[in-house]
Amino acid sequence: MEPIRDAVVSLFRVVVGLLFACHGAATLFGVPGGPRGGGAPPPIGAWPYWWAAVIELVAGGLVMLGLATRAAALLCSGTMAFAYFTVHQPKGLFPLINGGEPAALFCWSFLLLVLIGSGPWSFDTLVSRVRKKR
């Protein structure tokens, strides 16, 4: 059962990291169609949207690769918690009402990765094996 669990953890990390990085790319570069399918990218350095997009792209990519996973996932989780409480929660109490389901799901998904790690199919595991050989 453990090999299946390990594989699922690694695949979960790859999918969540890729989806998060895609959000950052869409916001920063207007692909595909820009943020939420329309609109222009935020100006460089614009708080908090440009910075959030950079975190989404870079930290999401690190999570996807499984490199510095716990730190990157913690940053991603915090970014989504901030987004939920500043953008979504003022619109209503429940995520179904305020449109915050993706932020809540990403937040909790990344927090899970902080706690369980990157799984065996990751650069973190590869680096750990190389260091043990030395």
N, C-alpha and C. Protein backbone atom coordinates (compact mmCIF):
# COMPACT_ATOMS: atom_id res chain seq x y z
N MET A 1 0.82 -1.21 0.00
CA MET A 1 0.00 0.00 0.00
C MET A 1 0.86 1.27 0.00
N GLU A 2 2.02 1.18 0.62
CA GLU A 2 2.88 2.35 0.71
C GLU A 2 3.37 2.85 -0.65
N PRO A 3 3.76 1.98 -1.59
CA PRO A 3 4.17 2.50 -2.90
C PRO A 3 3.06 3.26 -3.61
N ILE A 4 1.83 2.82 -3.46
CA ILE A 4 0.71 3.52 -4.08
C ILE A 4 0.55 4.90 -3.43
N ARG A 5 0.63 4.95 -2.12
CA ARG A 5 0.50 6.22 -1.40
C ARG A 5 1.60 7.18 -1.84
N ASP A 6 2.82 6.69 -1.92
CA ASP A 6 3.95 7.53 -2.33
C ASP A 6 3.76 8.07 -3.74
N ALA A 7 3.29 7.22 -4.64
CA ALA A 7 3.04 7.66 -6.02
C ALA A 7 1.94 8.71 -6.06
N VAL A 8 0.88 8.51 -5.29
CA VAL A 8 -0.22 9.46 -5.29
C VAL A 8 0.21 10.80 -4.71
N VAL A 9 1.03 10.79 -3.66
CA VAL A 9 1.53 12.04 -3.09
C VAL A 9 2.35 12.80 -4.13
N SER A 10 3.22 12.11 -4.83
CA SER A 10 4.04 12.76 -5.85
C SER A 10 3.18 13.31 -6.99
N LEU A 11 2.22 12.54 -7.45
CA LEU A 11 1.35 13.01 -8.53
C LEU A 11 0.48 14.18 -8.07
N PHE A 12 -0.03 14.11 -6.85
CA PHE A 12 -0.82 15.21 -6.29
C PHE A 12 0.01 16.50 -6.27
N ARG A 13 1.27 16.40 -5.82
CA ARG A 13 2.16 17.55 -5.77
C ARG A 13 2.38 18.13 -7.16
N VAL A 14 2.62 17.28 -8.14
CA VAL A 14 2.86 17.75 -9.51
C VAL A 14 1.63 18.47 -10.06
N VAL A 15 0.46 17.90 -9.89
CA VAL A 15 -0.77 18.50 -10.42
C VAL A 15 -1.07 19.82 -9.74
N VAL A 16 -1.00 19.86 -8.42
CA VAL A 16 -1.30 21.10 -7.69
C VAL A 16 -0.29 22.19 -8.04
N GLY A 17 0.99 21.84 -8.08
CA GLY A 17 2.01 22.81 -8.45
C GLY A 17 1.85 23.34 -9.86
N LEU A 18 1.54 22.45 -10.80
CA LEU A 18 1.33 22.86 -12.19
C LEU A 18 0.14 23.80 -12.32
N LEU A 19 -0.98 23.44 -11.71
CA LEU A 19 -2.16 24.30 -11.79
C LEU A 19 -1.90 25.68 -11.19
N PHE A 20 -1.17 25.71 -10.08
CA PHE A 20 -0.86 26.98 -9.43
C PHE A 20 0.08 27.82 -10.29
N ALA A 21 1.09 27.17 -10.87
CA ALA A 21 2.02 27.89 -11.75
C ALA A 21 1.28 28.43 -12.98
N CYS A 22 0.30 27.69 -13.47
CA CYS A 22 -0.49 28.17 -14.62
C CYS A 22 -1.26 29.45 -14.27
N HIS A 23 -1.76 29.55 -13.05
CA HIS A 23 -2.44 30.78 -12.62
C HIS A 23 -1.46 31.96 -12.66
N GLY A 24 -0.25 31.73 -12.17
CA GLY A 24 0.75 32.79 -12.20
C GLY A 24 1.12 33.20 -13.61
N ALA A 25 1.31 32.22 -14.50
CA ALA A 25 1.64 32.52 -15.89
C ALA A 25 0.52 33.27 -16.58
N ALA A 26 -0.72 32.87 -16.30
CA ALA A 26 -1.86 33.56 -16.91
C ALA A 26 -1.91 35.02 -16.47
N THR A 27 -1.64 35.26 -15.20
CA THR A 27 -1.69 36.63 -14.69
C THR A 27 -0.52 37.47 -15.21
N LEU A 28 0.67 36.91 -15.20
CA LEU A 28 1.85 37.69 -15.58
C LEU A 28 1.99 37.89 -17.09
N PHE A 29 1.65 36.87 -17.86
CA PHE A 29 1.95 36.90 -19.29
C PHE A 29 0.71 36.90 -20.19
N GLY A 30 -0.46 36.86 -19.58
CA GLY A 30 -1.68 36.91 -20.37
C GLY A 30 -1.97 35.63 -21.13
N VAL A 31 -1.41 34.50 -20.68
CA VAL A 31 -1.68 33.22 -21.34
C VAL A 31 -2.54 32.36 -20.44
N PRO A 32 -3.46 31.62 -20.86
CA PRO A 32 -4.24 31.82 -22.07
C PRO A 32 -5.33 32.84 -21.79
N GLY A 33 -5.23 33.98 -22.35
CA GLY A 33 -6.25 35.01 -22.21
C GLY A 33 -6.10 35.92 -21.01
N GLY A 34 -5.05 35.78 -20.25
CA GLY A 34 -4.84 36.66 -19.11
C GLY A 34 -5.56 36.20 -17.86
N PRO A 35 -5.51 37.01 -16.82
CA PRO A 35 -6.13 36.64 -15.56
C PRO A 35 -7.63 36.41 -15.74
N ARG A 36 -8.09 35.25 -15.32
CA ARG A 36 -9.51 34.86 -15.39
C ARG A 36 -10.06 34.96 -16.81
N GLY A 37 -9.21 34.76 -17.81
CA GLY A 37 -9.67 34.75 -19.18
C GLY A 37 -9.88 36.11 -19.81
N GLY A 38 -9.52 37.16 -19.14
CA GLY A 38 -9.69 38.50 -19.70
C GLY A 38 -8.94 39.51 -18.86
N GLY A 39 -8.72 40.64 -19.43
CA GLY A 39 -8.03 41.68 -18.69
C GLY A 39 -6.54 41.68 -18.95
N ALA A 40 -5.94 42.78 -18.62
CA ALA A 40 -4.51 42.95 -18.84
C ALA A 40 -3.74 42.48 -17.61
N PRO A 41 -2.50 42.06 -17.82
CA PRO A 41 -1.66 41.71 -16.69
C PRO A 41 -1.44 42.92 -15.78
N PRO A 42 -1.23 42.70 -14.50
CA PRO A 42 -0.99 43.83 -13.59
C PRO A 42 0.36 44.48 -13.90
N PRO A 43 0.50 45.77 -13.62
CA PRO A 43 1.80 46.41 -13.82
C PRO A 43 2.87 45.75 -12.96
N ILE A 44 4.09 45.76 -13.45
CA ILE A 44 5.20 45.14 -12.72
C ILE A 44 5.32 45.80 -11.35
N GLY A 45 5.36 44.95 -10.32
CA GLY A 45 5.52 45.42 -8.95
C GLY A 45 4.23 45.83 -8.26
N ALA A 46 3.09 45.76 -8.96
CA ALA A 46 1.81 46.19 -8.36
C ALA A 46 1.42 45.26 -7.22
N TRP A 47 1.19 45.86 -6.05
CA TRP A 47 0.80 45.10 -4.86
C TRP A 47 -0.70 44.91 -4.84
N PRO A 48 -1.19 43.76 -4.51
CA PRO A 48 -0.53 42.48 -4.29
C PRO A 48 -0.56 41.58 -5.52
N TYR A 49 -1.24 42.00 -6.60
CA TYR A 49 -1.52 41.10 -7.72
C TYR A 49 -0.27 40.63 -8.46
N TRP A 50 0.64 41.54 -8.77
CA TRP A 50 1.84 41.13 -9.49
C TRP A 50 2.68 40.20 -8.62
N TRP A 51 2.85 40.55 -7.35
CA TRP A 51 3.65 39.74 -6.43
C TRP A 51 3.01 38.37 -6.22
N ALA A 52 1.70 38.33 -6.09
CA ALA A 52 1.01 37.04 -5.94
C ALA A 52 1.24 36.17 -7.17
N ALA A 53 1.19 36.77 -8.35
CA ALA A 53 1.40 36.01 -9.58
C ALA A 53 2.83 35.47 -9.67
N VAL A 54 3.80 36.25 -9.23
CA VAL A 54 5.19 35.78 -9.21
C VAL A 54 5.32 34.59 -8.25
N ILE A 55 4.71 34.70 -7.07
CA ILE A 55 4.73 33.59 -6.12
C ILE A 55 4.05 32.36 -6.73
N GLU A 56 2.91 32.57 -7.37
CA GLU A 56 2.19 31.45 -7.99
C GLU A 56 3.07 30.75 -9.03
N LEU A 57 3.71 31.53 -9.88
CA LEU A 57 4.52 30.95 -10.95
C LEU A 57 5.77 30.26 -10.40
N VAL A 58 6.54 30.97 -9.59
CA VAL A 58 7.83 30.44 -9.13
C VAL A 58 7.64 29.34 -8.08
N ALA A 59 6.89 29.65 -7.03
CA ALA A 59 6.71 28.66 -5.96
C ALA A 59 5.88 27.47 -6.46
N GLY A 60 4.89 27.73 -7.31
CA GLY A 60 4.13 26.63 -7.90
C GLY A 60 5.02 25.73 -8.74
N GLY A 61 5.95 26.34 -9.49
CA GLY A 61 6.91 25.55 -10.26
C GLY A 61 7.83 24.72 -9.39
N LEU A 62 8.27 25.31 -8.28
CA LEU A 62 9.12 24.56 -7.34
C LEU A 62 8.36 23.38 -6.74
N VAL A 63 7.11 23.61 -6.36
CA VAL A 63 6.29 22.52 -5.83
C VAL A 63 6.11 21.44 -6.90
N MET A 64 5.82 21.83 -8.11
CA MET A 64 5.63 20.88 -9.20
C MET A 64 6.88 20.01 -9.36
N LEU A 65 8.06 20.61 -9.31
CA LEU A 65 9.31 19.87 -9.46
C LEU A 65 9.69 19.10 -8.20
N GLY A 66 9.12 19.49 -7.08
CA GLY A 66 9.49 18.86 -5.82
C GLY A 66 10.83 19.37 -5.32
N LEU A 67 11.10 20.63 -5.51
CA LEU A 67 12.35 21.26 -5.09
C LEU A 67 12.05 22.31 -4.03
N ALA A 68 12.64 22.14 -2.85
CA ALA A 68 12.32 23.01 -1.70
C ALA A 68 10.80 23.02 -1.47
N THR A 69 10.22 21.84 -1.56
CA THR A 69 8.77 21.70 -1.58
C THR A 69 8.10 22.28 -0.35
N ARG A 70 8.58 21.93 0.83
CA ARG A 70 7.90 22.37 2.06
C ARG A 70 7.90 23.90 2.18
N ALA A 71 9.02 24.53 1.90
CA ALA A 71 9.10 25.99 1.98
C ALA A 71 8.23 26.65 0.91
N ALA A 72 8.31 26.14 -0.31
CA ALA A 72 7.52 26.71 -1.40
C ALA A 72 6.03 26.51 -1.14
N ALA A 73 5.65 25.33 -0.66
CA ALA A 73 4.24 25.05 -0.37
C ALA A 73 3.72 25.93 0.77
N LEU A 74 4.57 26.20 1.75
CA LEU A 74 4.16 27.09 2.85
C LEU A 74 3.90 28.50 2.33
N LEU A 75 4.76 28.98 1.45
CA LEU A 75 4.57 30.29 0.83
C LEU A 75 3.28 30.31 0.00
N CYS A 76 3.04 29.26 -0.77
CA CYS A 76 1.82 29.17 -1.58
C CYS A 76 0.58 29.13 -0.70
N SER A 77 0.61 28.36 0.36
CA SER A 77 -0.53 28.25 1.26
C SER A 77 -0.84 29.60 1.90
N GLY A 78 0.18 30.29 2.35
CA GLY A 78 -0.01 31.61 2.94
C GLY A 78 -0.55 32.62 1.94
N THR A 79 -0.08 32.53 0.71
CA THR A 79 -0.57 33.43 -0.34
C THR A 79 -2.06 33.22 -0.57
N MET A 80 -2.48 31.97 -0.59
CA MET A 80 -3.90 31.68 -0.81
C MET A 80 -4.76 32.03 0.41
N ALA A 81 -4.21 31.88 1.60
CA ALA A 81 -4.96 32.30 2.79
C ALA A 81 -5.15 33.82 2.76
N PHE A 82 -4.10 34.55 2.41
CA PHE A 82 -4.19 36.01 2.29
C PHE A 82 -5.24 36.38 1.24
N ALA A 83 -5.19 35.71 0.09
CA ALA A 83 -6.15 36.00 -0.98
C ALA A 83 -7.58 35.72 -0.51
N TYR A 84 -7.75 34.60 0.18
CA TYR A 84 -9.10 34.26 0.62
C TYR A 84 -9.66 35.32 1.57
N PHE A 85 -8.87 35.69 2.56
CA PHE A 85 -9.38 36.60 3.59
C PHE A 85 -9.44 38.06 3.15
N THR A 86 -8.66 38.44 2.14
CA THR A 86 -8.71 39.84 1.69
C THR A 86 -9.63 40.06 0.49
N VAL A 87 -9.74 39.04 -0.38
CA VAL A 87 -10.53 39.20 -1.60
C VAL A 87 -11.90 38.52 -1.48
N HIS A 88 -11.92 37.30 -1.01
CA HIS A 88 -13.16 36.51 -1.06
C HIS A 88 -14.03 36.64 0.18
N GLN A 89 -13.46 36.50 1.35
CA GLN A 89 -14.26 36.47 2.57
C GLN A 89 -15.10 37.73 2.78
N PRO A 90 -14.63 38.92 2.42
CA PRO A 90 -15.50 40.09 2.56
C PRO A 90 -16.78 40.04 1.72
N LYS A 91 -16.81 39.19 0.70
CA LYS A 91 -17.99 39.07 -0.16
C LYS A 91 -19.04 38.12 0.42
N GLY A 92 -18.70 37.36 1.44
CA GLY A 92 -19.63 36.42 2.03
C GLY A 92 -18.89 35.43 2.91
N LEU A 93 -19.63 34.78 3.80
CA LEU A 93 -19.01 33.89 4.77
C LEU A 93 -18.52 32.58 4.15
N PHE A 94 -19.27 32.00 3.26
CA PHE A 94 -18.96 30.68 2.74
C PHE A 94 -18.30 30.76 1.36
N PRO A 95 -17.31 29.88 1.11
CA PRO A 95 -16.62 29.89 -0.19
C PRO A 95 -17.55 29.73 -1.38
N LEU A 96 -18.62 28.99 -1.22
CA LEU A 96 -19.56 28.81 -2.32
C LEU A 96 -20.23 30.11 -2.70
N ILE A 97 -20.39 30.99 -1.73
CA ILE A 97 -21.03 32.29 -1.96
C ILE A 97 -20.02 33.33 -2.45
N ASN A 98 -18.81 33.32 -1.88
CA ASN A 98 -17.86 34.38 -2.17
C ASN A 98 -16.87 34.05 -3.29
N GLY A 99 -17.01 32.89 -3.93
CA GLY A 99 -16.12 32.53 -5.04
C GLY A 99 -14.73 32.12 -4.61
N GLY A 100 -14.56 31.78 -3.34
CA GLY A 100 -13.24 31.47 -2.83
C GLY A 100 -12.87 30.01 -2.79
N GLU A 101 -13.64 29.15 -3.48
CA GLU A 101 -13.31 27.72 -3.44
C GLU A 101 -11.90 27.42 -3.94
N PRO A 102 -11.46 27.98 -5.08
CA PRO A 102 -10.09 27.67 -5.52
C PRO A 102 -9.03 28.12 -4.52
N ALA A 103 -9.21 29.31 -3.94
CA ALA A 103 -8.23 29.79 -2.95
C ALA A 103 -8.20 28.87 -1.74
N ALA A 104 -9.36 28.45 -1.25
CA ALA A 104 -9.42 27.57 -0.09
C ALA A 104 -8.81 26.21 -0.41
N LEU A 105 -9.14 25.65 -1.56
CA LEU A 105 -8.59 24.35 -1.94
C LEU A 105 -7.07 24.41 -2.12
N PHE A 106 -6.58 25.44 -2.80
CA PHE A 106 -5.13 25.58 -2.94
C PHE A 106 -4.46 25.75 -1.58
N CYS A 107 -5.03 26.58 -0.72
CA CYS A 107 -4.46 26.83 0.59
C CYS A 107 -4.29 25.52 1.37
N TRP A 108 -5.35 24.74 1.45
CA TRP A 108 -5.31 23.49 2.21
C TRP A 108 -4.47 22.43 1.51
N SER A 109 -4.47 22.41 0.19
CA SER A 109 -3.64 21.45 -0.54
C SER A 109 -2.16 21.70 -0.29
N PHE A 110 -1.76 22.96 -0.33
CA PHE A 110 -0.36 23.28 -0.08
C PHE A 110 0.02 23.04 1.38
N LEU A 111 -0.90 23.30 2.29
CA LEU A 111 -0.61 23.02 3.70
C LEU A 111 -0.40 21.52 3.90
N LEU A 112 -1.18 20.71 3.22
CA LEU A 112 -0.99 19.26 3.28
C LEU A 112 0.42 18.89 2.81
N LEU A 113 0.87 19.50 1.71
CA LEU A 113 2.22 19.21 1.20
C LEU A 113 3.30 19.68 2.16
N VAL A 114 3.06 20.76 2.88
CA VAL A 114 4.02 21.20 3.91
C VAL A 114 4.19 20.10 4.94
N LEU A 115 3.10 19.47 5.31
CA LEU A 115 3.13 18.47 6.37
C LEU A 115 3.63 17.10 5.91
N ILE A 116 3.27 16.67 4.70
CA ILE A 116 3.65 15.32 4.27
C ILE A 116 4.88 15.28 3.37
N GLY A 117 5.29 16.41 2.86
CA GLY A 117 6.48 16.45 2.01
C GLY A 117 6.17 16.22 0.55
N SER A 118 7.23 16.03 -0.22
CA SER A 118 7.12 16.03 -1.68
C SER A 118 6.86 14.66 -2.29
N GLY A 119 7.05 13.60 -1.55
CA GLY A 119 6.92 12.27 -2.11
C GLY A 119 8.22 11.83 -2.75
N PRO A 120 8.28 10.56 -3.16
CA PRO A 120 9.55 10.00 -3.65
C PRO A 120 9.97 10.48 -5.03
N TRP A 121 9.03 10.92 -5.86
CA TRP A 121 9.36 11.37 -7.21
C TRP A 121 9.56 12.88 -7.18
N SER A 122 10.68 13.31 -6.62
CA SER A 122 10.92 14.75 -6.48
C SER A 122 12.41 15.03 -6.48
N PHE A 123 12.72 16.29 -6.75
CA PHE A 123 14.12 16.70 -6.67
C PHE A 123 14.58 16.72 -5.21
N ASP A 124 13.67 16.98 -4.27
CA ASP A 124 14.03 16.91 -2.84
C ASP A 124 14.58 15.53 -2.49
N THR A 125 13.90 14.48 -2.95
CA THR A 125 14.33 13.11 -2.68
C THR A 125 15.66 12.83 -3.37
N LEU A 126 15.80 13.29 -4.60
CA LEU A 126 17.05 13.08 -5.35
C LEU A 126 18.22 13.77 -4.64
N VAL A 127 18.03 14.99 -4.21
CA VAL A 127 19.09 15.72 -3.50
C VAL A 127 19.44 15.02 -2.20
N SER A 128 18.43 14.53 -1.48
CA SER A 128 18.66 13.82 -0.23
C SER A 128 19.49 12.56 -0.47
N ARG A 129 19.20 11.83 -1.53
CA ARG A 129 19.96 10.61 -1.83
C ARG A 129 21.41 10.92 -2.19
N VAL A 130 21.61 12.00 -2.94
CA VAL A 130 22.97 12.39 -3.33
C VAL A 130 23.76 12.80 -2.09
N ARG A 131 23.15 13.53 -1.18
CA ARG A 131 23.84 13.96 0.04
C ARG A 131 24.19 12.78 0.93
N LYS A 132 23.35 11.75 0.99
CA LYS A 132 23.61 10.57 1.81
C LYS A 132 24.79 9.78 1.28
N LYS A 133 25.02 9.82 -0.03
CA LYS A 133 26.12 9.08 -0.64
C LYS A 133 27.48 9.71 -0.33
N ARG A 134 27.47 10.98 0.01
CA ARG A 134 28.73 11.69 0.26
C ARG A 134 29.32 11.31 1.57
